[in-house]
Amino acid sequence: MAAIALISGIASCMRSDKSDAERARQDSINQVLGDSLATALAEKDSLMALMTDINDGLSEIKNIENIVAQGNIGAETPDKRAQLRDDIILIKQSIEKRKERLAQLEAKLSKSNNYNSEMQKTIESLKLQLEDQQANIESLTKQLEAAHVQISNLNTRVDSLKHQNEAETAAKVEAQKQAEQLTVELNTCYYVVGSKKELKENKIIETGFLRKTKILEKDFEKSYFTRADKRTLNEIQLHNKKAQVMSKHPQGSYSIEKDEKGLKTLRILDQKRFWELSNYLIVKVG
């Protein structure tokens, strides 16, 4: 009986030790899981914080773009223009800092067990946003520099003509005309519709035996083209049952439709996309 009691006591102690070890093991697992979850959440929070920061930067750039687009630079005081330049410099510096933060975060995540395709997509999206912001801010910098030169020239002229109201008015009218002319030029496009023979005779395309048709971009006979405004040109009657767009224009930005007689009409569905590769439209008919 004493031996049985002894064995029972030893077994009980072993079960107790095993239970303590099991609890310690489970506690360790829970700790690891908790730490892993906390790390994953922290990494995700870092990405989200950076995303918010980048979006805030985009809003700042949009505000400056609006000032430039509305032509308010010339109306601002020198102090306001100086402030605008300072804002652009700060945004430039912020973009660089965000790019550094993103690079550091990407390097850290690449070594983490929590790194996944969703995080990679978020990182790639943030990279693209930063690249767009950098391009926009560089463009704004150039516009501001150009405006500064124009404003300085205008101020010189106004000072020299301050007692000649008529001349000052004429200068303002001329500046307005130049601005309007620039707008017209930026929205000017050219199109031509002709047969293969006509296009070749006017040095618009080049063909030959067993050779692929080639557009002679540098030797256009520009007088043969019709001038138009991108903003208002929506369709072109081709007056032919066969038509092919020879110049480069994105698929989906236009369509070629036919009427009940089978005659084709080219319709521009998205003006901005349609003209983004070329200001010249070449359509071969027949």
Protein backbone atom coordinates (compact mmCIF):
# COMPACT_ATOMS: atom_id res chain seq x y z
CA MET A 1 0.00 0.00 0.00
CA ALA A 2 2.83 2.41 0.78
CA ALA A 3 4.39 1.68 -2.62
CA ILE A 4 1.10 2.42 -4.38
CA ALA A 5 0.74 5.71 -2.53
CA LEU A 6 4.28 6.66 -3.45
CA ILE A 7 3.70 5.90 -7.15
CA SER A 8 0.43 7.85 -7.11
CA GLY A 9 2.18 10.84 -5.56
CA ILE A 10 4.93 10.77 -8.17
CA ALA A 11 2.38 10.61 -11.00
CA SER A 12 0.48 13.52 -9.49
CA CYS A 13 3.64 15.60 -9.33
CA MET A 14 4.47 14.74 -12.95
CA ARG A 15 1.00 15.80 -14.08
CA SER A 16 1.38 19.03 -12.14
CA ASP A 17 4.79 19.72 -13.69
CA LYS A 18 3.43 18.90 -17.16
CA SER A 19 0.45 21.22 -16.62
CA ASP A 20 2.75 24.06 -15.54
CA ALA A 21 4.98 23.52 -18.57
CA GLU A 22 1.96 23.45 -20.89
CA ARG A 23 0.65 26.69 -19.42
CA ALA A 24 4.07 28.32 -19.81
CA ARG A 25 4.25 27.12 -23.42
CA GLN A 26 0.76 28.49 -24.16
CA ASP A 27 1.63 31.79 -22.49
CA SER A 28 4.73 32.02 -24.68
CA ILE A 29 2.70 31.32 -27.83
CA ASN A 30 0.13 33.93 -26.83
CA GLN A 31 2.90 36.44 -26.22
CA VAL A 32 4.44 35.77 -29.67
CA LEU A 33 1.04 36.01 -31.37
CA GLY A 34 0.26 39.19 -29.49
CA ASP A 35 3.60 40.73 -30.44
CA SER A 36 3.14 39.66 -34.08
CA LEU A 37 -0.36 41.15 -34.21
CA ALA A 38 0.84 44.36 -32.60
CA THR A 39 3.70 44.58 -35.12
CA ALA A 40 1.35 43.96 -38.05
CA LEU A 41 -1.05 46.63 -36.82
CA ALA A 42 1.79 49.08 -36.27
CA GLU A 43 3.12 48.49 -39.80
CA LYS A 44 -0.33 48.93 -41.27
CA ASP A 45 -0.83 52.09 -39.20
CA SER A 46 2.50 53.43 -40.53
CA LEU A 47 1.33 52.93 -44.11
CA MET A 48 -2.04 54.55 -43.41
CA ALA A 49 -0.38 57.52 -41.68
CA LEU A 50 1.96 57.99 -44.63
CA MET A 51 -0.99 57.74 -47.03
CA THR A 52 -2.82 60.47 -45.10
CA ASP A 53 0.32 62.60 -45.11
CA ILE A 54 0.67 62.22 -48.89
CA ASN A 55 -2.99 63.08 -49.44
CA ASP A 56 -2.52 66.22 -47.33
CA GLY A 57 0.42 67.13 -49.54
CA LEU A 58 -1.73 66.63 -52.62
CA SER A 59 -4.29 69.06 -51.20
CA GLU A 60 -1.57 71.66 -50.67
CA ILE A 61 -0.41 71.27 -54.26
CA LYS A 62 -3.99 71.55 -55.55
CA ASN A 63 -4.40 74.85 -53.68
CA ILE A 64 -1.31 76.26 -55.38
CA GLU A 65 -2.42 74.88 -58.76
CA ASN A 66 -5.74 76.66 -58.37
CA ILE A 67 -3.99 79.98 -57.68
CA VAL A 68 -1.82 79.56 -60.78
CA ALA A 69 -4.69 78.30 -62.98
CA GLN A 70 -6.92 81.23 -62.05
CA GLY A 71 -4.19 83.69 -63.05
CA ASN A 72 -3.98 85.21 -59.57
CA ILE A 73 -0.17 85.35 -59.44
CA GLY A 74 -0.03 88.74 -61.15
CA ALA A 75 -2.63 90.16 -58.80
CA GLU A 76 -0.79 89.07 -55.65
CA THR A 77 1.52 91.36 -53.70
CA PRO A 78 5.31 90.66 -53.70
CA ASP A 79 4.98 89.29 -50.16
CA LYS A 80 2.22 86.92 -51.23
CA ARG A 81 4.25 85.73 -54.23
CA ALA A 82 7.28 85.20 -51.98
CA GLN A 83 5.07 83.18 -49.61
CA LEU A 84 3.87 81.10 -52.56
CA ARG A 85 7.47 80.33 -53.53
CA ASP A 86 8.28 79.40 -49.94
CA ASP A 87 5.25 77.08 -49.86
CA ILE A 88 6.45 75.32 -53.00
CA ILE A 89 9.94 74.87 -51.51
CA LEU A 90 8.45 73.38 -48.33
CA ILE A 91 6.28 71.00 -50.35
CA LYS A 92 9.36 69.91 -52.33
CA GLN A 93 11.17 69.14 -49.09
CA SER A 94 8.12 67.32 -47.71
CA ILE A 95 7.92 65.13 -50.82
CA GLU A 96 11.58 64.15 -50.41
CA LYS A 97 11.02 63.30 -46.74
CA ARG A 98 7.94 61.21 -47.60
CA LYS A 99 9.91 59.34 -50.26
CA GLU A 100 12.62 58.58 -47.70
CA ARG A 101 10.02 57.43 -45.14
CA LEU A 102 8.37 55.19 -47.73
CA ALA A 103 11.72 53.66 -48.77
CA GLN A 104 12.59 52.96 -45.14
CA LEU A 105 9.16 51.47 -44.47
CA GLU A 106 9.33 49.28 -47.59
CA ALA A 107 12.78 47.99 -46.58
CA LYS A 108 11.50 47.20 -43.09
CA LEU A 109 8.35 45.48 -44.35
CA SER A 110 10.27 43.35 -46.87
CA LYS A 111 11.98 41.67 -43.90
CA SER A 112 8.76 41.26 -41.94
CA ASN A 113 6.57 38.16 -41.78
CA ASN A 114 3.55 40.44 -42.08
CA TYR A 115 4.52 41.68 -45.54
CA ASN A 116 1.85 40.75 -48.11
CA SER A 117 0.55 41.62 -51.56
CA GLU A 118 -1.94 44.14 -50.16
CA MET A 119 0.85 46.10 -48.50
CA GLN A 120 2.92 45.92 -51.70
CA LYS A 121 0.00 47.37 -53.71
CA THR A 122 -0.37 50.16 -51.16
CA ILE A 123 3.35 50.95 -51.36
CA GLU A 124 3.30 51.01 -55.17
CA SER A 125 0.27 53.32 -55.10
CA LEU A 126 2.04 55.67 -52.68
CA LYS A 127 5.13 55.71 -54.92
CA LEU A 128 3.03 56.72 -57.92
CA GLN A 129 1.30 59.45 -55.91
CA LEU A 130 4.66 60.86 -54.79
CA GLU A 131 5.97 60.80 -58.38
CA ASP A 132 2.87 62.67 -59.57
CA GLN A 133 3.26 65.21 -56.76
CA GLN A 134 6.90 65.76 -57.65
CA ALA A 135 6.04 66.27 -61.34
CA ASN A 136 3.25 68.70 -60.43
CA ILE A 137 5.38 70.75 -58.07
CA GLU A 138 8.20 70.96 -60.66
CA SER A 139 5.67 72.22 -63.21
CA LEU A 140 4.34 74.80 -60.74
CA THR A 141 7.89 75.94 -59.98
CA LYS A 142 8.51 76.61 -63.67
CA GLN A 143 5.20 78.43 -64.02
CA LEU A 144 5.96 80.58 -60.99
CA GLU A 145 9.42 81.41 -62.31
CA ALA A 146 7.96 82.35 -65.70
CA ALA A 147 5.25 84.44 -64.02
CA HIS A 148 7.88 86.20 -61.90
CA VAL A 149 9.75 87.23 -65.05
CA GLN A 150 6.54 88.36 -66.73
CA ILE A 151 5.44 90.30 -63.66
CA SER A 152 8.83 92.01 -63.39
CA ASN A 153 8.68 93.02 -67.05
CA LEU A 154 5.13 94.25 -66.66
CA ASN A 155 6.01 96.27 -63.56
CA THR A 156 8.88 97.93 -65.42
CA ARG A 157 6.59 98.90 -68.26
CA VAL A 158 3.90 100.17 -65.91
CA ASP A 159 6.43 102.30 -64.00
CA SER A 160 7.69 103.86 -67.22
CA LEU A 161 4.15 104.54 -68.41
CA LYS A 162 2.51 105.45 -65.13
CA HIS A 163 1.52 108.90 -66.45
CA GLN A 164 0.25 107.52 -69.75
CA ASN A 165 -3.06 105.85 -68.98
CA GLU A 166 -3.85 105.04 -72.56
CA ALA A 167 -0.56 103.21 -73.08
CA GLU A 168 -1.04 101.29 -69.83
CA THR A 169 -4.50 100.22 -70.93
CA ALA A 170 -3.11 99.12 -74.29
CA ALA A 171 -0.46 97.01 -72.53
CA LYS A 172 -3.10 95.26 -70.47
CA VAL A 173 -5.23 94.60 -73.54
CA GLU A 174 -2.19 93.20 -75.35
CA ALA A 175 -1.36 90.94 -72.40
CA GLN A 176 -4.94 89.68 -72.41
CA LYS A 177 -4.77 89.05 -76.17
CA GLN A 178 -1.53 87.13 -75.74
CA ALA A 179 -3.08 85.01 -73.01
CA GLU A 180 -6.09 84.28 -75.20
CA GLN A 181 -3.83 83.50 -78.15
CA LEU A 182 -1.82 81.10 -76.01
CA THR A 183 -5.01 79.33 -74.97
CA VAL A 184 -6.06 79.04 -78.61
CA GLU A 185 -2.66 77.66 -79.63
CA LEU A 186 -2.66 75.10 -76.83
CA ASN A 187 -6.04 73.84 -78.03
CA THR A 188 -5.31 73.92 -81.76
CA CYS A 189 -5.36 70.63 -83.65
CA TYR A 190 -5.15 69.63 -87.32
CA TYR A 191 -6.86 66.91 -89.29
CA VAL A 192 -6.87 65.64 -92.85
CA VAL A 193 -9.13 63.16 -94.65
CA GLY A 194 -7.89 61.87 -97.98
CA SER A 195 -7.26 58.91 -100.21
CA LYS A 196 -3.98 57.03 -100.17
CA LYS A 197 -2.94 58.86 -103.34
CA GLU A 198 -3.82 62.29 -101.94
CA LEU A 199 -2.01 61.68 -98.68
CA LYS A 200 1.06 60.47 -100.54
CA GLU A 201 1.07 63.43 -102.95
CA ASN A 202 0.96 65.85 -100.02
CA LYS A 203 3.90 64.11 -98.29
CA ILE A 204 1.78 62.91 -95.38
CA ILE A 205 2.37 59.19 -95.90
CA GLU A 206 4.97 57.17 -97.75
CA THR A 207 4.28 53.81 -99.40
CA GLY A 208 6.09 51.42 -101.66
CA PHE A 209 6.04 47.93 -103.03
CA LEU A 210 6.00 45.43 -100.16
CA ARG A 211 6.65 48.28 -97.71
CA LYS A 212 4.49 49.22 -94.77
CA THR A 213 2.78 52.60 -95.01
CA LYS A 214 4.76 55.20 -93.04
CA ILE A 215 3.66 58.60 -91.77
CA LEU A 216 6.15 61.35 -92.66
CA GLU A 217 5.82 63.30 -89.42
CA LYS A 218 8.59 65.82 -90.19
CA ASP A 219 7.58 66.50 -93.80
CA PHE A 220 3.87 67.21 -93.41
CA GLU A 221 2.34 69.47 -96.03
CA LYS A 222 0.58 71.40 -93.26
CA SER A 223 -1.41 73.57 -95.67
CA TYR A 224 -3.36 70.45 -96.63
CA PHE A 225 -4.64 70.00 -93.07
CA THR A 226 -7.79 71.56 -91.64
CA ARG A 227 -7.23 73.57 -88.46
CA ALA A 228 -9.67 73.04 -85.57
CA ASP A 229 -10.19 73.51 -81.81
CA LYS A 230 -9.74 70.38 -79.68
CA ARG A 231 -12.41 71.58 -77.26
CA THR A 232 -15.16 71.77 -79.85
CA LEU A 233 -14.19 69.19 -82.48
CA ASN A 234 -16.45 66.24 -81.69
CA GLU A 235 -17.02 64.56 -85.03
CA ILE A 236 -15.77 64.54 -88.63
CA GLN A 237 -17.88 63.45 -91.59
CA LEU A 238 -15.62 61.21 -93.71
CA HIS A 239 -18.02 60.90 -96.72
CA ASN A 240 -16.74 57.45 -97.54
CA LYS A 241 -17.63 53.85 -96.83
CA LYS A 242 -14.02 52.92 -95.99
CA ALA A 243 -11.93 54.76 -93.43
CA GLN A 244 -8.80 54.11 -91.38
CA VAL A 245 -7.12 56.31 -88.75
CA MET A 246 -3.41 56.43 -89.64
CA SER A 247 -2.12 58.69 -86.85
CA LYS A 248 -1.60 57.69 -83.22
CA HIS A 249 -4.66 58.06 -81.00
CA PRO A 250 -5.58 55.86 -77.97
CA GLN A 251 -8.10 53.10 -78.51
CA GLY A 252 -11.41 53.90 -76.85
CA SER A 253 -10.98 57.66 -77.21
CA TYR A 254 -12.82 57.61 -80.55
CA SER A 255 -15.13 55.53 -82.70
CA ILE A 256 -15.88 55.22 -86.40
CA GLU A 257 -19.58 54.81 -87.13
CA LYS A 258 -21.58 54.51 -90.35
CA ASP A 259 -24.98 55.89 -91.31
CA GLU A 260 -27.80 54.20 -93.20
CA LYS A 261 -25.93 54.73 -96.48
CA GLY A 262 -22.78 53.16 -95.09
CA LEU A 263 -20.84 56.45 -95.00
CA LYS A 264 -18.41 56.73 -92.11
CA THR A 265 -18.22 59.37 -89.35
CA LEU A 266 -15.36 59.69 -86.86
CA ARG A 267 -16.55 60.61 -83.37
CA ILE A 268 -14.16 61.80 -80.67
CA LEU A 269 -15.33 60.36 -77.35
CA ASP A 270 -12.61 61.72 -75.05
CA GLN A 271 -10.92 64.90 -76.34
CA LYS A 272 -8.14 64.92 -73.75
CA ARG A 273 -7.05 61.30 -74.35
CA PHE A 274 -7.57 61.50 -78.11
CA TRP A 275 -5.06 64.34 -78.61
CA GLU A 276 -2.53 63.39 -75.93
CA LEU A 277 -0.15 61.65 -78.38
CA SER A 278 -0.44 63.93 -81.41
CA ASN A 279 -2.08 67.19 -82.48
CA TYR A 280 -2.46 65.81 -86.01
CA LEU A 281 -5.24 63.46 -87.12
CA ILE A 282 -4.75 61.57 -90.40
CA VAL A 283 -7.62 59.54 -91.84
CA LYS A 284 -7.22 57.50 -95.01
CA VAL A 285 -10.46 56.84 -96.94
CA GLY A 286 -11.36 54.72 -99.93
